[in-house]
Amino acid sequence: MRVSEIFYSLQGEAQAAGLPCCFVRLAGCPFRCTYCDTAYAREEAAEEATVESILERLRVHSCRLVEVTGGEPLAQAETPALLQALSEAGWSVMLETSGHLPLDRIPPSTAIVMDIKTPGSGHPGFHAPNLARLTPRDAVKFVLCDRNDFDWACARVRELDLAARVPIFLSPAWGVLQAAELADWILDEALPGVRLQLPLHKVLWGNGPGR
């Protein structure tokens, strides 16, 4: 597998926000989102690793929550095997994905954070059959660039009845949309099941690798 970085930090997003978490950031992504904050994961040289070597590096931490992210982690064919191996080794496993690629090979033990891309990202939408994979322990998030993105996300929440399936998080694109402005929109819209999410890791440490 191609790995960009492995590190220990606080989970910054979704239901597990604030919890200590190990991260495996896989390299490579077929998308070029306008607000991408991990371009280094697709542009810089990555190291080659096996599933076992990844597990070995994670074992130095007592933490047993791990997130596999990217880039787009499902761009690598070995990712489902990594998720399964982590679960079998005793980790609580999360996967963050755009949802553009099928989730049918993801182990049921993996909690999914599906980052549905908005028009402002340049890659709006997701693979529709993935909705059937989501359960209340998973999450859907929208990273928003502007009011158009907000209205688009609210329309998807309504038409897909997302609040009946999963927790929903709306997050401002870092450095693009002011959190207070998004908060006002959420209050005015009063859409059930929708929560404001600030990327905690960025609030604490800024936008850099290893955090």
Protein backbone atom coordinates (compact mmCIF):
# COMPACT_ATOMS: atom_id res chain seq x y z
CA MET A 1 0.00 0.00 0.00
CA ARG A 2 1.06 3.61 -0.52
CA VAL A 3 1.07 5.53 2.78
CA SER A 4 1.42 9.28 3.15
CA GLU A 5 1.67 9.38 6.96
CA ILE A 6 0.78 7.56 10.17
CA PHE A 7 0.31 9.67 13.28
CA TYR A 8 -1.41 10.03 16.66
CA SER A 9 -3.64 13.01 17.38
CA LEU A 10 -7.16 13.99 18.39
CA GLN A 11 -10.05 13.02 16.19
CA GLY A 12 -11.29 16.33 14.81
CA GLU A 13 -14.60 15.40 13.22
CA ALA A 14 -17.90 13.49 13.43
CA GLN A 15 -19.16 11.70 16.54
CA ALA A 16 -15.67 10.84 17.80
CA ALA A 17 -14.44 14.46 17.77
CA GLY A 18 -12.13 15.14 20.70
CA LEU A 19 -11.08 11.54 21.28
CA PRO A 20 -7.44 10.45 20.94
CA CYS A 21 -7.10 8.65 17.62
CA CYS A 22 -4.44 7.05 15.43
CA PHE A 23 -4.54 8.01 11.76
CA VAL A 24 -3.40 6.15 8.68
CA ARG A 25 -3.37 8.56 5.76
CA LEU A 26 -3.16 6.66 2.50
CA ALA A 27 -1.66 8.34 -0.53
CA GLY A 28 -3.35 9.07 -3.82
CA CYS A 29 -6.64 10.64 -4.85
CA PRO A 30 -8.43 10.76 -8.22
CA PHE A 31 -10.14 14.04 -7.28
CA ARG A 32 -8.90 17.61 -7.09
CA CYS A 33 -11.22 19.41 -4.69
CA THR A 34 -10.85 23.18 -4.73
CA TYR A 35 -10.33 23.38 -0.95
CA CYS A 36 -8.18 20.24 -0.56
CA ASP A 37 -6.20 20.47 2.68
CA THR A 38 -4.10 17.35 2.13
CA ALA A 39 -2.70 17.91 -1.34
CA TYR A 40 0.61 16.54 -0.05
CA ALA A 41 -1.06 13.13 0.22
CA ARG A 42 -1.51 12.99 -3.53
CA GLU A 43 1.44 15.06 -4.75
CA GLU A 44 4.40 14.09 -2.59
CA ALA A 45 6.27 10.81 -2.57
CA ALA A 46 4.61 8.09 -0.52
CA GLU A 47 6.16 5.14 1.24
CA GLU A 48 5.29 1.56 0.39
CA ALA A 49 3.90 -0.46 3.28
CA THR A 50 2.21 -3.78 3.92
CA VAL A 51 -0.88 -4.25 6.05
CA GLU A 52 1.25 -5.91 8.72
CA SER A 53 3.84 -3.11 8.76
CA ILE A 54 1.06 -0.56 9.22
CA LEU A 55 -0.32 -2.53 12.16
CA GLU A 56 3.17 -2.78 13.64
CA ARG A 57 3.60 1.00 13.57
CA LEU A 58 0.22 1.51 15.21
CA ARG A 59 0.94 -0.93 18.05
CA VAL A 60 3.31 1.56 19.72
CA HIS A 61 0.22 3.56 20.76
CA SER A 62 -2.12 2.46 23.54
CA CYS A 63 -5.00 4.15 21.70
CA ARG A 64 -7.38 1.69 20.05
CA LEU A 65 -9.32 4.10 17.84
CA VAL A 66 -7.95 4.40 14.32
CA GLU A 67 -9.11 6.25 11.22
CA VAL A 68 -8.05 5.36 7.70
CA THR A 69 -8.18 8.45 5.53
CA GLY A 70 -6.51 10.07 2.53
CA GLY A 71 -6.37 11.35 -0.12
CA GLU A 72 -9.15 8.99 -1.07
CA PRO A 73 -8.42 5.74 0.77
CA LEU A 74 -10.70 3.64 -1.42
CA ALA A 75 -8.53 4.48 -4.43
CA GLN A 76 -6.27 1.66 -3.18
CA ALA A 77 -7.58 -1.86 -3.70
CA GLU A 78 -5.98 -3.14 -0.48
CA THR A 79 -7.88 -0.76 1.81
CA PRO A 80 -10.73 -3.17 2.72
CA ALA A 81 -8.12 -5.76 3.80
CA LEU A 82 -6.41 -3.15 5.97
CA LEU A 83 -9.73 -2.21 7.60
CA GLN A 84 -10.50 -5.87 8.31
CA ALA A 85 -7.04 -6.52 9.75
CA LEU A 86 -7.30 -3.50 12.05
CA SER A 87 -10.68 -4.68 13.34
CA GLU A 88 -9.43 -8.22 13.91
CA ALA A 89 -6.44 -6.82 15.82
CA GLY A 90 -8.74 -5.03 18.26
CA TRP A 91 -9.00 -1.48 16.95
CA SER A 92 -12.23 0.48 16.62
CA VAL A 93 -11.98 1.44 12.96
CA MET A 94 -13.20 4.51 11.10
CA LEU A 95 -12.97 5.24 7.38
CA GLU A 96 -13.26 8.71 5.89
CA THR A 97 -14.19 8.68 2.21
CA SER A 98 -15.78 10.97 -0.34
CA GLY A 99 -18.42 8.34 -1.09
CA HIS A 100 -17.67 8.53 -4.81
CA LEU A 101 -16.32 4.95 -4.79
CA PRO A 102 -18.37 1.88 -3.80
CA LEU A 103 -18.53 0.85 -0.14
CA ASP A 104 -19.63 -2.72 -0.83
CA ARG A 105 -16.24 -4.24 0.17
CA ILE A 106 -15.96 -2.32 3.45
CA PRO A 107 -16.15 -4.61 6.52
CA PRO A 108 -19.32 -4.11 8.57
CA SER A 109 -17.14 -3.43 11.64
CA THR A 110 -15.90 -0.17 10.06
CA ALA A 111 -17.63 3.11 10.92
CA ILE A 112 -17.85 5.32 7.84
CA VAL A 113 -17.60 9.09 7.64
CA MET A 114 -18.87 9.92 4.16
CA ASP A 115 -17.74 13.36 3.04
CA ILE A 116 -20.31 14.22 0.38
CA LYS A 117 -18.75 16.70 -2.02
CA THR A 118 -20.63 19.91 -2.77
CA PRO A 119 -20.60 22.02 -5.96
CA GLY A 120 -17.93 24.26 -4.44
CA SER A 121 -15.56 21.28 -4.24
CA GLY A 122 -15.65 20.78 -7.99
CA HIS A 123 -16.78 17.15 -7.58
CA PRO A 124 -20.40 17.23 -6.34
CA GLY A 125 -22.33 14.08 -5.54
CA PHE A 126 -21.56 10.51 -4.48
CA HIS A 127 -22.11 6.88 -5.48
CA ALA A 128 -25.85 6.56 -4.73
CA PRO A 129 -25.85 2.84 -3.73
CA ASN A 130 -23.54 3.75 -0.82
CA LEU A 131 -26.54 5.10 1.10
CA ALA A 132 -27.69 1.53 1.73
CA ARG A 133 -24.42 0.86 3.60
CA LEU A 134 -24.86 3.68 6.10
CA THR A 135 -26.17 3.10 9.64
CA PRO A 136 -26.67 5.42 12.66
CA ARG A 137 -23.11 4.76 13.84
CA ASP A 138 -21.77 6.22 10.57
CA ALA A 139 -21.86 9.91 9.62
CA VAL A 140 -22.31 12.17 6.63
CA LYS A 141 -20.50 15.47 6.43
CA PHE A 142 -20.60 18.33 3.96
CA VAL A 143 -17.71 20.76 3.69
CA LEU A 144 -19.19 24.06 2.51
CA CYS A 145 -17.63 26.92 0.58
CA ASP A 146 -20.58 29.33 0.33
CA ARG A 147 -24.35 29.77 0.58
CA ASN A 148 -24.90 27.81 -2.61
CA ASP A 149 -23.15 24.82 -1.05
CA PHE A 150 -25.28 25.18 2.08
CA ASP A 151 -28.53 25.23 0.12
CA TRP A 152 -27.34 22.27 -1.98
CA ALA A 153 -26.47 20.26 1.13
CA CYS A 154 -29.81 21.02 2.79
CA ALA A 155 -31.62 19.93 -0.36
CA ARG A 156 -29.72 16.60 -0.34
CA VAL A 157 -30.52 16.07 3.35
CA ARG A 158 -34.22 16.56 2.66
CA GLU A 159 -34.60 14.62 -0.58
CA LEU A 160 -32.56 11.64 0.67
CA ASP A 161 -34.02 11.74 4.21
CA LEU A 162 -30.46 11.58 5.52
CA ALA A 163 -31.36 12.56 9.08
CA ALA A 164 -33.29 9.29 9.42
CA ARG A 165 -30.14 7.34 8.50
CA VAL A 166 -27.09 9.01 10.01
CA PRO A 167 -25.84 12.01 11.99
CA ILE A 168 -25.18 14.95 9.64
CA PHE A 169 -22.38 17.48 10.05
CA LEU A 170 -21.93 20.74 8.16
CA SER A 171 -18.43 22.17 8.23
CA PRO A 172 -16.99 25.41 6.80
CA ALA A 173 -14.20 24.96 4.28
CA TRP A 174 -11.13 26.05 6.24
CA GLY A 175 -10.09 29.56 5.31
CA VAL A 176 -12.97 29.91 2.82
CA LEU A 177 -16.22 30.21 4.80
CA GLN A 178 -16.56 31.80 8.24
CA ALA A 179 -17.89 29.43 10.87
CA ALA A 180 -20.12 32.10 12.41
CA GLU A 181 -21.79 32.71 9.05
CA LEU A 182 -22.51 29.02 8.65
CA ALA A 183 -23.83 28.88 12.21
CA ASP A 184 -26.34 31.64 11.39
CA TRP A 185 -27.53 29.76 8.30
CA ILE A 186 -28.02 26.57 10.31
CA LEU A 187 -30.02 28.44 12.96
CA ASP A 188 -32.21 30.10 10.34
CA GLU A 189 -32.80 26.87 8.42
CA ALA A 190 -33.50 24.81 11.56
CA LEU A 191 -33.15 21.58 9.60
CA PRO A 192 -33.61 18.62 11.99
CA GLY A 193 -30.57 16.41 12.48
CA VAL A 194 -28.02 18.87 11.12
CA ARG A 195 -25.08 19.92 13.31
CA LEU A 196 -22.34 22.50 12.93
CA GLN A 197 -18.91 20.92 12.94
CA LEU A 198 -15.64 22.79 13.34
CA PRO A 199 -12.50 20.84 12.38
CA LEU A 200 -11.07 20.61 15.90
CA HIS A 201 -7.59 19.56 14.81
CA LYS A 202 -7.29 22.67 12.62
CA VAL A 203 -8.62 24.97 15.33
CA LEU A 204 -5.95 23.62 17.68
CA TRP A 205 -2.94 23.23 15.41
CA GLY A 206 -3.67 24.78 12.04
CA ASN A 207 -3.55 23.08 8.69
CA GLY A 208 -0.40 20.97 8.59
CA PRO A 209 0.68 17.34 8.26
CA GLY A 210 0.74 15.03 11.23
CA ARG A 211 -2.26 16.54 13.00
